[in-house]
Amino acid sequence: MHRFPTAAHLASWAGLTPKHHESDTHVRRGRITKQGSKLVRWAAIESVKRVGPHIGVGALRERVAARRVGPGGKNIAAVAAARRQIEHVYYALRDGHVRALHRGAA
């Protein structure tokens, strides 16, 4: 994994991180950047929408959607879960196995 040193770099490349505006002591986070591969971003978000709430990213999606009441709450939750899933993909490629799948067995 030479191109992306951390999982956050991969999520940023996929365009799943929020924009960051900062001026002196005033910080504002905006919409997602949508930089990088549209196909990767689309696939991550669509796959998260298909998993049930008993899977880790599905449970995260449901928790965020419950907190974010409003017209865009479900979409915000799907993007948050897709970002987590991209992190799982990074670690799976780096380590050769997905640590999140083995948590319940330990």
PDB file of N, CA and C in Angstrom:
ATOM      1  N   MET A   1       0.841  -1.172   0.000  1.00  0.00           N
ATOM      2  CA  MET A   1       0.000   0.000   0.000  1.00  0.00           C
ATOM      3  C   MET A   1       0.895   1.246   0.000  1.00  0.00           C
ATOM      4  N   HIS A   2       1.571   1.468  -1.094  1.00  0.00           N
ATOM      5  CA  HIS A   2       2.493   2.593  -1.178  1.00  0.00           C
ATOM      6  C   HIS A   2       1.778   3.887  -1.552  1.00  0.00           C
ATOM      7  N   ARG A   3       0.730   3.786  -2.316  1.00  0.00           N
ATOM      8  CA  ARG A   3       0.062   5.003  -2.778  1.00  0.00           C
ATOM      9  C   ARG A   3      -0.728   5.687  -1.675  1.00  0.00           C
ATOM     10  N   PHE A   4      -1.336   4.891  -0.798  1.00  0.00           N
ATOM     11  CA  PHE A   4      -2.144   5.438   0.288  1.00  0.00           C
ATOM     12  C   PHE A   4      -1.531   5.002   1.613  1.00  0.00           C
ATOM     13  N   PRO A   5      -0.863   5.893   2.323  1.00  0.00           N
ATOM     14  CA  PRO A   5      -0.209   5.496   3.568  1.00  0.00           C
ATOM     15  C   PRO A   5      -1.186   5.175   4.709  1.00  0.00           C
ATOM     16  N   THR A   6      -2.393   5.751   4.681  1.00  0.00           N
ATOM     17  CA  THR A   6      -3.386   5.473   5.724  1.00  0.00           C
ATOM     18  C   THR A   6      -4.754   5.262   5.092  1.00  0.00           C
ATOM     19  N   ALA A   7      -5.669   4.730   5.897  1.00  0.00           N
ATOM     20  CA  ALA A   7      -7.037   4.528   5.427  1.00  0.00           C
ATOM     21  C   ALA A   7      -7.719   5.862   5.150  1.00  0.00           C
ATOM     22  N   ALA A   8      -7.362   6.891   5.897  1.00  0.00           N
ATOM     23  CA  ALA A   8      -7.944   8.215   5.678  1.00  0.00           C
ATOM     24  C   ALA A   8      -7.560   8.765   4.308  1.00  0.00           C
ATOM     25  N   HIS A   9      -6.349   8.463   3.854  1.00  0.00           N
ATOM     26  CA  HIS A   9      -5.932   8.909   2.524  1.00  0.00           C
ATOM     27  C   HIS A   9      -6.761   8.233   1.431  1.00  0.00           C
ATOM     28  N   LEU A  10      -7.056   6.950   1.613  1.00  0.00           N
ATOM     29  CA  LEU A  10      -7.889   6.242   0.637  1.00  0.00           C
ATOM     30  C   LEU A  10      -9.307   6.808   0.625  1.00  0.00           C
ATOM     31  N   ALA A  11      -9.869   7.087   1.804  1.00  0.00           N
ATOM     32  CA  ALA A  11     -11.215   7.669   1.882  1.00  0.00           C
ATOM     33  C   ALA A  11     -11.242   9.052   1.252  1.00  0.00           C
ATOM     34  N   SER A  12     -10.177   9.800   1.441  1.00  0.00           N
ATOM     35  CA  SER A  12     -10.097  11.124   0.830  1.00  0.00           C
ATOM     36  C   SER A  12     -10.005  11.017  -0.685  1.00  0.00           C
ATOM     37  N   TRP A  13      -9.219  10.062  -1.168  1.00  0.00           N
ATOM     38  CA  TRP A  13      -9.095   9.862  -2.613  1.00  0.00           C
ATOM     39  C   TRP A  13     -10.435   9.468  -3.222  1.00  0.00           C
ATOM     40  N   ALA A  14     -11.216   8.690  -2.487  1.00  0.00           N
ATOM     41  CA  ALA A  14     -12.525   8.267  -2.985  1.00  0.00           C
ATOM     42  C   ALA A  14     -13.554   9.394  -2.914  1.00  0.00           C
ATOM     43  N   GLY A  15     -13.213  10.506  -2.268  1.00  0.00           N
ATOM     44  CA  GLY A  15     -14.135  11.639  -2.193  1.00  0.00           C
ATOM     45  C   GLY A  15     -15.200  11.482  -1.130  1.00  0.00           C
ATOM     46  N   LEU A  16     -14.923  10.697  -0.092  1.00  0.00           N
ATOM     47  CA  LEU A  16     -15.905  10.448   0.954  1.00  0.00           C
ATOM     48  C   LEU A  16     -15.616  11.228   2.237  1.00  0.00           C
ATOM     49  N   THR A  17     -14.744  12.208   2.169  1.00  0.00           N
ATOM     50  CA  THR A  17     -14.426  13.017   3.343  1.00  0.00           C
ATOM     51  C   THR A  17     -15.036  14.412   3.179  1.00  0.00           C
ATOM     52  N   PRO A  18     -15.379  15.066   4.285  1.00  0.00           N
ATOM     53  CA  PRO A  18     -15.983  16.394   4.175  1.00  0.00           C
ATOM     54  C   PRO A  18     -14.955  17.456   3.795  1.00  0.00           C
ATOM     55  N   LYS A  19     -15.444  18.498   3.111  1.00  0.00           N
ATOM     56  CA  LYS A  19     -14.585  19.649   2.819  1.00  0.00           C
ATOM     57  C   LYS A  19     -14.266  20.341   4.130  1.00  0.00           C
ATOM     58  N   HIS A  20     -13.113  20.979   4.172  1.00  0.00           N
ATOM     59  CA  HIS A  20     -12.658  21.615   5.400  1.00  0.00           C
ATOM     60  C   HIS A  20     -12.303  23.058   5.091  1.00  0.00           C
ATOM     61  N   HIS A  21     -13.023  23.995   5.701  1.00  0.00           N
ATOM     62  CA  HIS A  21     -12.759  25.424   5.534  1.00  0.00           C
ATOM     63  C   HIS A  21     -12.317  25.970   6.886  1.00  0.00           C
ATOM     64  N   GLU A  22     -11.167  26.636   6.903  1.00  0.00           N
ATOM     65  CA  GLU A  22     -10.642  27.123   8.169  1.00  0.00           C
ATOM     66  C   GLU A  22     -10.078  28.528   7.982  1.00  0.00           C
ATOM     67  N   SER A  23     -10.416  29.397   8.923  1.00  0.00           N
ATOM     68  CA  SER A  23      -9.890  30.748   8.936  1.00  0.00           C
ATOM     69  C   SER A  23      -9.654  31.136  10.384  1.00  0.00           C
ATOM     70  N   ASP A  24      -8.406  31.259  10.766  1.00  0.00           N
ATOM     71  CA  ASP A  24      -8.004  31.586  12.129  1.00  0.00           C
ATOM     72  C   ASP A  24      -8.617  30.591  13.110  1.00  0.00           C
ATOM     73  N   THR A  25      -9.593  30.985  13.894  1.00  0.00           N
ATOM     74  CA  THR A  25     -10.196  30.082  14.875  1.00  0.00           C
ATOM     75  C   THR A  25     -11.550  29.548  14.421  1.00  0.00           C
ATOM     76  N   HIS A  26     -11.982  29.911  13.237  1.00  0.00           N
ATOM     77  CA  HIS A  26     -13.298  29.504  12.738  1.00  0.00           C
ATOM     78  C   HIS A  26     -13.133  28.327  11.772  1.00  0.00           C
ATOM     79  N   VAL A  27     -13.724  27.188  12.108  1.00  0.00           N
ATOM     80  CA  VAL A  27     -13.615  25.984  11.294  1.00  0.00           C
ATOM     81  C   VAL A  27     -15.010  25.557  10.866  1.00  0.00           C
ATOM     82  N   ARG A  28     -15.162  25.208   9.583  1.00  0.00           N
ATOM     83  CA  ARG A  28     -16.446  24.729   9.076  1.00  0.00           C
ATOM     84  C   ARG A  28     -16.214  23.514   8.206  1.00  0.00           C
ATOM     85  N   ARG A  29     -16.982  22.472   8.452  1.00  0.00           N
ATOM     86  CA  ARG A  29     -16.946  21.272   7.622  1.00  0.00           C
ATOM     87  C   ARG A  29     -18.135  21.326   6.675  1.00  0.00           C
ATOM     88  N   GLY A  30     -17.873  21.042   5.410  1.00  0.00           N
ATOM     89  CA  GLY A  30     -18.934  21.132   4.410  1.00  0.00           C
ATOM     90  C   GLY A  30     -19.352  19.782   3.882  1.00  0.00           C
ATOM     91  N   ARG A  31     -19.842  19.784   2.667  1.00  0.00           N
ATOM     92  CA  ARG A  31     -20.265  18.551   1.995  1.00  0.00           C
ATOM     93  C   ARG A  31     -19.051  17.704   1.658  1.00  0.00           C
ATOM     94  N   ILE A  32     -19.279  16.484   1.174  1.00  0.00           N
ATOM     95  CA  ILE A  32     -18.145  15.642   0.802  1.00  0.00           C
ATOM     96  C   ILE A  32     -17.454  16.232  -0.420  1.00  0.00           C
ATOM     97  N   THR A  33     -16.178  15.937  -0.565  1.00  0.00           N
ATOM     98  CA  THR A  33     -15.379  16.581  -1.603  1.00  0.00           C
ATOM     99  C   THR A  33     -15.708  16.083  -3.008  1.00  0.00           C
ATOM    100  N   LYS A  34     -16.115  14.836  -3.143  1.00  0.00           N
ATOM    101  CA  LYS A  34     -16.406  14.213  -4.439  1.00  0.00           C
ATOM    102  C   LYS A  34     -15.205  14.245  -5.378  1.00  0.00           C
ATOM    103  N   GLN A  35     -14.014  14.239  -4.813  1.00  0.00           N
ATOM    104  CA  GLN A  35     -12.795  14.137  -5.610  1.00  0.00           C
ATOM    105  C   GLN A  35     -12.501  12.653  -5.806  1.00  0.00           C
ATOM    106  N   GLY A  36     -11.768  12.314  -6.822  1.00  0.00           N
ATOM    107  CA  GLY A  36     -11.385  10.920  -7.022  1.00  0.00           C
ATOM    108  C   GLY A  36     -12.366  10.177  -7.904  1.00  0.00           C
ATOM    109  N   SER A  37     -12.396   8.879  -7.710  1.00  0.00           N
ATOM    110  CA  SER A  37     -13.150   7.990  -8.581  1.00  0.00           C
ATOM    111  C   SER A  37     -14.639   7.997  -8.260  1.00  0.00           C
ATOM    112  N   LYS A  38     -15.458   8.384  -9.231  1.00  0.00           N
ATOM    113  CA  LYS A  38     -16.912   8.347  -9.060  1.00  0.00           C
ATOM    114  C   LYS A  38     -17.395   6.914  -8.898  1.00  0.00           C
ATOM    115  N   LEU A  39     -16.770   5.997  -9.626  1.00  0.00           N
ATOM    116  CA  LEU A  39     -17.187   4.595  -9.580  1.00  0.00           C
ATOM    117  C   LEU A  39     -16.936   3.982  -8.204  1.00  0.00           C
ATOM    118  N   VAL A  40     -15.794   4.268  -7.601  1.00  0.00           N
ATOM    119  CA  VAL A  40     -15.494   3.745  -6.266  1.00  0.00           C
ATOM    120  C   VAL A  40     -16.477   4.312  -5.251  1.00  0.00           C
ATOM    121  N   ARG A  41     -16.728   5.616  -5.325  1.00  0.00           N
ATOM    122  CA  ARG A  41     -17.661   6.263  -4.405  1.00  0.00           C
ATOM    123  C   ARG A  41     -19.068   5.687  -4.563  1.00  0.00           C
ATOM    124  N   TRP A  42     -19.505   5.517  -5.798  1.00  0.00           N
ATOM    125  CA  TRP A  42     -20.836   4.968  -6.056  1.00  0.00           C
ATOM    126  C   TRP A  42     -20.940   3.534  -5.536  1.00  0.00           C
ATOM    127  N   ALA A  43     -19.924   2.719  -5.813  1.00  0.00           N
ATOM    128  CA  ALA A  43     -19.961   1.319  -5.391  1.00  0.00           C
ATOM    129  C   ALA A  43     -19.973   1.201  -3.870  1.00  0.00           C
ATOM    130  N   ALA A  44     -19.192   2.028  -3.196  1.00  0.00           N
ATOM    131  CA  ALA A  44     -19.151   1.975  -1.733  1.00  0.00           C
ATOM    132  C   ALA A  44     -20.497   2.366  -1.138  1.00  0.00           C
ATOM    133  N   ILE A  45     -21.101   3.414  -1.643  1.00  0.00           N
ATOM    134  CA  ILE A  45     -22.377   3.878  -1.095  1.00  0.00           C
ATOM    135  C   ILE A  45     -23.494   2.889  -1.410  1.00  0.00           C
ATOM    136  N   GLU A  46     -23.521   2.364  -2.621  1.00  0.00           N
ATOM    137  CA  GLU A  46     -24.566   1.391  -2.981  1.00  0.00           C
ATOM    138  C   GLU A  46     -24.435   0.101  -2.183  1.00  0.00           C
ATOM    139  N   SER A  47     -23.214  -0.356  -1.953  1.00  0.00           N
ATOM    140  CA  SER A  47     -23.047  -1.597  -1.199  1.00  0.00           C
ATOM    141  C   SER A  47     -23.463  -1.418   0.252  1.00  0.00           C
ATOM    142  N   VAL A  48     -23.234  -0.246   0.810  1.00  0.00           N
ATOM    143  CA  VAL A  48     -23.640   0.027   2.193  1.00  0.00           C
ATOM    144  C   VAL A  48     -25.156   0.092   2.299  1.00  0.00           C
ATOM    145  N   LYS A  49     -25.814   0.609   1.276  1.00  0.00           N
ATOM    146  CA  LYS A  49     -27.276   0.685   1.303  1.00  0.00           C
ATOM    147  C   LYS A  49     -27.913  -0.701   1.249  1.00  0.00           C
ATOM    148  N   ARG A  50     -27.206  -1.701   0.727  1.00  0.00           N
ATOM    149  CA  ARG A  50     -27.763  -3.043   0.566  1.00  0.00           C
ATOM    150  C   ARG A  50     -27.583  -3.937   1.781  1.00  0.00           C
ATOM    151  N   VAL A  51     -26.628  -3.636   2.658  1.00  0.00           N
ATOM    152  CA  VAL A  51     -26.387  -4.515   3.808  1.00  0.00           C
ATOM    153  C   VAL A  51     -27.416  -4.267   4.895  1.00  0.00           C
ATOM    154  N   GLY A  52     -27.679  -5.307   5.662  1.00  0.00           N
ATOM    155  CA  GLY A  52     -28.657  -5.203   6.730  1.00  0.00           C
ATOM    156  C   GLY A  52     -28.067  -4.586   7.987  1.00  0.00           C
ATOM    157  N   PRO A  53     -28.917  -4.264   8.961  1.00  0.00           N
ATOM    158  CA  PRO A  53     -28.449  -3.617  10.180  1.00  0.00           C
ATOM    159  C   PRO A  53     -27.675  -4.549  11.113  1.00  0.00           C
ATOM    160  N   HIS A  54     -27.636  -5.842  10.822  1.00  0.00           N
ATOM    161  CA  HIS A  54     -26.885  -6.775  11.662  1.00  0.00           C
ATOM    162  C   HIS A  54     -25.393  -6.801  11.312  1.00  0.00           C
ATOM    163  N   ILE A  55     -25.010  -6.225  10.180  1.00  0.00           N
ATOM    164  CA  ILE A  55     -23.604  -6.100   9.784  1.00  0.00           C
ATOM    165  C   ILE A  55     -23.064  -4.799  10.384  1.00  0.00           C
ATOM    166  N   GLY A  56     -21.774  -4.725  10.647  1.00  0.00           N
ATOM    167  CA  GLY A  56     -21.173  -3.560  11.297  1.00  0.00           C
ATOM    168  C   GLY A  56     -21.445  -2.237  10.603  1.00  0.00           C
ATOM    169  N   VAL A  57     -21.217  -2.158   9.283  1.00  0.00           N
ATOM    170  CA  VAL A  57     -21.453  -0.888   8.581  1.00  0.00           C
ATOM    171  C   VAL A  57     -22.937  -0.598   8.460  1.00  0.00           C
ATOM    172  N   GLY A  58     -23.766  -1.624   8.413  1.00  0.00           N
ATOM    173  CA  GLY A  58     -25.211  -1.420   8.388  1.00  0.00           C
ATOM    174  C   GLY A  58     -25.712  -0.863   9.716  1.00  0.00           C
ATOM    175  N   ALA A  59     -25.135  -1.352  10.811  1.00  0.00           N
ATOM    176  CA  ALA A  59     -25.505  -0.841  12.129  1.00  0.00           C
ATOM    177  C   ALA A  59     -25.068   0.616  12.276  1.00  0.00           C
ATOM    178  N   LEU A  60     -23.879   0.940  11.768  1.00  0.00           N
ATOM    179  CA  LEU A  60     -23.415   2.334  11.794  1.00  0.00           C
ATOM    180  C   LEU A  60     -24.352   3.217  10.985  1.00  0.00           C
ATOM    181  N   ARG A  61     -24.748   2.745   9.803  1.00  0.00           N
ATOM    182  CA  ARG A  61     -25.669   3.511   8.964  1.00  0.00           C
ATOM    183  C   ARG A  61     -26.978   3.787   9.699  1.00  0.00           C
ATOM    184  N   GLU A  62     -27.511   2.787  10.389  1.00  0.00           N
ATOM    185  CA  GLU A  62     -28.773   2.962  11.114  1.00  0.00           C
ATOM    186  C   GLU A  62     -28.618   3.927  12.287  1.00  0.00           C
ATOM    187  N   ARG A  63     -27.495   3.854  13.016  1.00  0.00           N
ATOM    188  CA  ARG A  63     -27.274   4.764  14.150  1.00  0.00           C
ATOM    189  C   ARG A  63     -27.173   6.206  13.687  1.00  0.00           C
ATOM    190  N   VAL A  64     -26.430   6.435  12.606  1.00  0.00           N
ATOM    191  CA  VAL A  64     -26.271   7.806  12.106  1.00  0.00           C
ATOM    192  C   VAL A  64     -27.601   8.317  11.554  1.00  0.00           C
ATOM    193  N   ALA A  65     -28.345   7.471  10.857  1.00  0.00           N
ATOM    194  CA  ALA A  65     -29.636   7.890  10.299  1.00  0.00           C
ATOM    195  C   ALA A  65     -30.619   8.244  11.414  1.00  0.00           C
ATOM    196  N   ALA A  66     -30.553   7.543  12.532  1.00  0.00           N
ATOM    197  CA  ALA A  66     -31.446   7.852  13.649  1.00  0.00           C
ATOM    198  C   ALA A  66     -31.102   9.203  14.264  1.00  0.00           C
ATOM    199  N   ARG A  67     -29.818   9.554  14.268  1.00  0.00           N
ATOM    200  CA  ARG A  67     -29.395  10.850  14.812  1.00  0.00           C
ATOM    201  C   ARG A  67     -29.676  11.985  13.862  1.00  0.00           C
ATOM    202  N   ARG A  68     -29.516  11.750  12.554  1.00  0.00           N
ATOM    203  CA  ARG A  68     -29.646  12.806  11.548  1.00  0.00           C
ATOM    204  C   ARG A  68     -31.061  12.819  10.992  1.00  0.00           C
ATOM    205  N   VAL A  69     -31.985  13.345  11.742  1.00  0.00           N
ATOM    206  CA  VAL A  69     -33.384  13.409  11.324  1.00  0.00           C
ATOM    207  C   VAL A  69     -33.525  14.538  10.308  1.00  0.00           C
ATOM    208  N   GLY A  70     -34.176  14.263   9.222  1.00  0.00           N
ATOM    209  CA  GLY A  70     -34.385  15.272   8.195  1.00  0.00           C
ATOM    210  C   GLY A  70     -34.364  14.649   6.820  1.00  0.00           C
ATOM    211  N   PRO A  71     -34.466  15.471   5.793  1.00  0.00           N
ATOM    212  CA  PRO A  71     -34.556  14.931   4.429  1.00  0.00           C
ATOM    213  C   PRO A  71     -33.287  14.232   3.961  1.00  0.00           C
ATOM    214  N   GLY A  72     -32.109  14.646   4.414  1.00  0.00           N
ATOM    215  CA  GLY A  72     -30.880  14.035   3.922  1.00  0.00           C
ATOM    216  C   GLY A  72     -30.226  13.097   4.904  1.00  0.00           C
ATOM    217  N   GLY A  73     -30.903  12.741   5.977  1.00  0.00           N
ATOM    218  CA  GLY A  73     -30.317  11.919   7.022  1.00  0.00           C
ATOM    219  C   GLY A  73     -29.866  10.550   6.554  1.00  0.00           C
ATOM    220  N   LYS A  74     -30.670   9.911   5.727  1.00  0.00           N
ATOM    221  CA  LYS A  74     -30.304   8.577   5.242  1.00  0.00           C
ATOM    222  C   LYS A  74     -29.093   8.637   4.319  1.00  0.00           C
ATOM    223  N   ASN A  75     -29.005   9.684   3.516  1.00  0.00           N
ATOM    224  CA  ASN A  75     -27.857   9.818   2.613  1.00  0.00           C
ATOM    225  C   ASN A  75     -26.581  10.122   3.385  1.00  0.00           C
ATOM    226  N   ILE A  76     -26.670  10.978   4.389  1.00  0.00           N
ATOM    227  CA  ILE A  76     -25.514  11.280   5.223  1.00  0.00           C
ATOM    228  C   ILE A  76     -25.037  10.016   5.919  1.00  0.00           C
ATOM    229  N   ALA A  77     -25.984   9.227   6.395  1.00  0.00           N
ATOM    230  CA  ALA A  77     -25.638   7.977   7.070  1.00  0.00           C
ATOM    231  C   ALA A  77     -24.977   6.998   6.109  1.00  0.00           C
ATOM    232  N   ALA A  78     -25.451   6.929   4.882  1.00  0.00           N
ATOM    233  CA  ALA A  78     -24.857   6.019   3.903  1.00  0.00           C
ATOM    234  C   ALA A  78     -23.423   6.429   3.570  1.00  0.00           C
ATOM    235  N   VAL A  79     -23.166   7.727   3.482  1.00  0.00           N
ATOM    236  CA  VAL A  79     -21.807   8.201   3.192  1.00  0.00           C
ATOM    237  C   VAL A  79     -20.883   7.902   4.368  1.00  0.00           C
ATOM    238  N   ALA A  80     -21.370   8.081   5.590  1.00  0.00           N
ATOM    239  CA  ALA A  80     -20.551   7.779   6.769  1.00  0.00           C
ATOM    240  C   ALA A  80     -20.208   6.295   6.818  1.00  0.00           C
ATOM    241  N   ALA A  81     -21.168   5.450   6.527  1.00  0.00           N
ATOM    242  CA  ALA A  81     -20.922   4.011   6.528  1.00  0.00           C
ATOM    243  C   ALA A  81     -20.008   3.608   5.365  1.00  0.00           C
ATOM    244  N   ALA A  82     -20.143   4.258   4.223  1.00  0.00           N
ATOM    245  CA  ALA A  82     -19.277   3.964   3.079  1.00  0.00           C
ATOM    246  C   ALA A  82     -17.835   4.341   3.386  1.00  0.00           C
ATOM    247  N   ARG A  83     -17.648   5.435   4.104  1.00  0.00           N
ATOM    248  CA  ARG A  83     -16.295   5.831   4.509  1.00  0.00           C
ATOM    249  C   ARG A  83     -15.690   4.757   5.407  1.00  0.00           C
ATOM    250  N   ARG A  84     -16.480   4.225   6.350  1.00  0.00           N
ATOM    251  CA  ARG A  84     -15.997   3.150   7.225  1.00  0.00           C
ATOM    252  C   ARG A  84     -15.686   1.893   6.412  1.00  0.00           C
ATOM    253  N   GLN A  85     -16.525   1.598   5.428  1.00  0.00           N
ATOM    254  CA  GLN A  85     -16.292   0.412   4.603  1.00  0.00           C
ATOM    255  C   GLN A  85     -15.011   0.554   3.778  1.00  0.00           C
ATOM    256  N   ILE A  86     -14.744   1.745   3.274  1.00  0.00           N
ATOM    257  CA  ILE A  86     -13.499   1.994   2.537  1.00  0.00           C
ATOM    258  C   ILE A  86     -12.301   1.776   3.462  1.00  0.00           C
ATOM    259  N   GLU A  87     -12.434   2.163   4.723  1.00  0.00           N
ATOM    260  CA  GLU A  87     -11.355   1.906   5.679  1.00  0.00           C
ATOM    261  C   GLU A  87     -11.149   0.407   5.873  1.00  0.00           C
ATOM    262  N   HIS A  88     -12.239  -0.366   5.946  1.00  0.00           N
ATOM    263  CA  HIS A  88     -12.123  -1.817   6.058  1.00  0.00           C
ATOM    264  C   HIS A  88     -11.431  -2.409   4.832  1.00  0.00           C
ATOM    265  N   VAL A  89     -11.754  -1.883   3.654  1.00  0.00           N
ATOM    266  CA  VAL A  89     -11.113  -2.351   2.417  1.00  0.00           C
ATOM    267  C   VAL A  89      -9.614  -2.072   2.464  1.00  0.00           C
ATOM    268  N   TYR A  90      -9.243  -0.894   2.941  1.00  0.00           N
ATOM    269  CA  TYR A  90      -7.818  -0.547   3.045  1.00  0.00           C
ATOM    270  C   TYR A  90      -7.082  -1.563   3.919  1.00  0.00           C
ATOM    271  N   TYR A  91      -7.638  -1.846   5.109  1.00  0.00           N
ATOM    272  CA  TYR A  91      -6.973  -2.768   6.018  1.00  0.00           C
ATOM    273  C   TYR A  91      -6.973  -4.195   5.475  1.00  0.00           C
ATOM    274  N   ALA A  92      -8.022  -4.568   4.746  1.00  0.00           N
ATOM    275  CA  ALA A  92      -8.051  -5.906   4.139  1.00  0.00           C
ATOM    276  C   ALA A  92      -6.950  -6.051   3.093  1.00  0.00           C
ATOM    277  N   LEU A  93      -6.756  -5.019   2.287  1.00  0.00           N
ATOM    278  CA  LEU A  93      -5.698  -5.072   1.278  1.00  0.00           C
ATOM    279  C   LEU A  93      -4.315  -5.030   1.920  1.00  0.00           C
ATOM    280  N   ARG A  94      -4.174  -4.250   2.978  1.00  0.00           N
ATOM    281  CA  ARG A  94      -2.878  -4.115   3.636  1.00  0.00           C
ATOM    282  C   ARG A  94      -2.492  -5.358   4.430  1.00  0.00           C
ATOM    283  N   ASP A  95      -3.442  -5.904   5.215  1.00  0.00           N
ATOM    284  CA  ASP A  95      -3.133  -6.994   6.131  1.00  0.00           C
ATOM    285  C   ASP A  95      -3.472  -8.376   5.583  1.00  0.00           C
ATOM    286  N   GLY A  96      -4.288  -8.442   4.545  1.00  0.00           N
ATOM    287  CA  GLY A  96      -4.673  -9.733   3.997  1.00  0.00           C
ATOM    288  C   GLY A  96      -5.914 -10.335   4.631  1.00  0.00           C
ATOM    289  N   HIS A  97      -6.486  -9.680   5.626  1.00  0.00           N
ATOM    290  CA  HIS A  97      -7.740 -10.127   6.226  1.00  0.00           C
ATOM    291  C   HIS A  97      -8.470  -8.913   6.798  1.00  0.00           C
ATOM    292  N   VAL A  98      -9.777  -9.074   7.021  1.00  0.00           N
ATOM    293  CA  VAL A  98     -10.585  -7.977   7.533  1.00  0.00           C
ATOM    294  C   VAL A  98     -10.733  -8.159   9.039  1.00  0.00           C
ATOM    295  N   ARG A  99     -10.142  -7.247   9.797  1.00  0.00           N
ATOM    296  CA  ARG A  99     -10.186  -7.358  11.262  1.00  0.00           C
ATOM    297  C   ARG A  99     -11.593  -7.179  11.800  1.00  0.00           C
ATOM    298  N   ALA A 100     -12.415  -6.389  11.157  1.00  0.00           N
ATOM    299  CA  ALA A 100     -13.769  -6.115  11.649  1.00  0.00           C
ATOM    300  C   ALA A 100     -14.627  -7.372  11.640  1.00  0.00           C
ATOM    301  N   LEU A 101     -14.316  -8.343  10.780  1.00  0.00           N
ATOM    302  CA  LEU A 101     -15.091  -9.566  10.728  1.00  0.00           C
ATOM    303  C   LEU A 101     -14.745 -10.510  11.873  1.00  0.00           C
ATOM    304  N   HIS A 102     -13.577 -10.340  12.458  1.00  0.00           N
ATOM    305  CA  HIS A 102     -13.119 -11.262  13.493  1.00  0.00           C
ATOM    306  C   HIS A 102     -13.367 -10.763  14.907  1.00  0.00           C
ATOM    307  N   ARG A 103     -13.961  -9.597  15.062  1.00  0.00           N
ATOM    308  CA  ARG A 103     -14.220  -9.040  16.388  1.00  0.00           C
ATOM    309  C   ARG A 103     -15.172  -9.895  17.197  1.00  0.00           C
ATOM    310  N   GLY A 104     -16.231 -10.395  16.571  1.00  0.00           N
ATOM    311  CA  GLY A 104     -17.237 -11.185  17.284  1.00  0.00           C
ATOM    312  C   GLY A 104     -16.705 -12.528  17.757  1.00  0.00           C
ATOM    313  N   ALA A 105     -15.735 -13.098  17.063  1.00  0.00           N
ATOM    314  CA  ALA A 105     -15.198 -14.401  17.429  1.00  0.00           C
ATOM    315  C   ALA A 105     -14.241 -14.324  18.608  1.00  0.00           C
ATOM    316  N   ALA A 106     -13.647 -13.142  18.823  1.00  0.00           N
ATOM    317  CA  ALA A 106     -12.644 -13.016  19.896  1.00  0.00           C
ATOM    318  C   ALA A 106     -13.266 -12.917  21.260  1.00  0.00           C
TER     319      ALA A 106
END
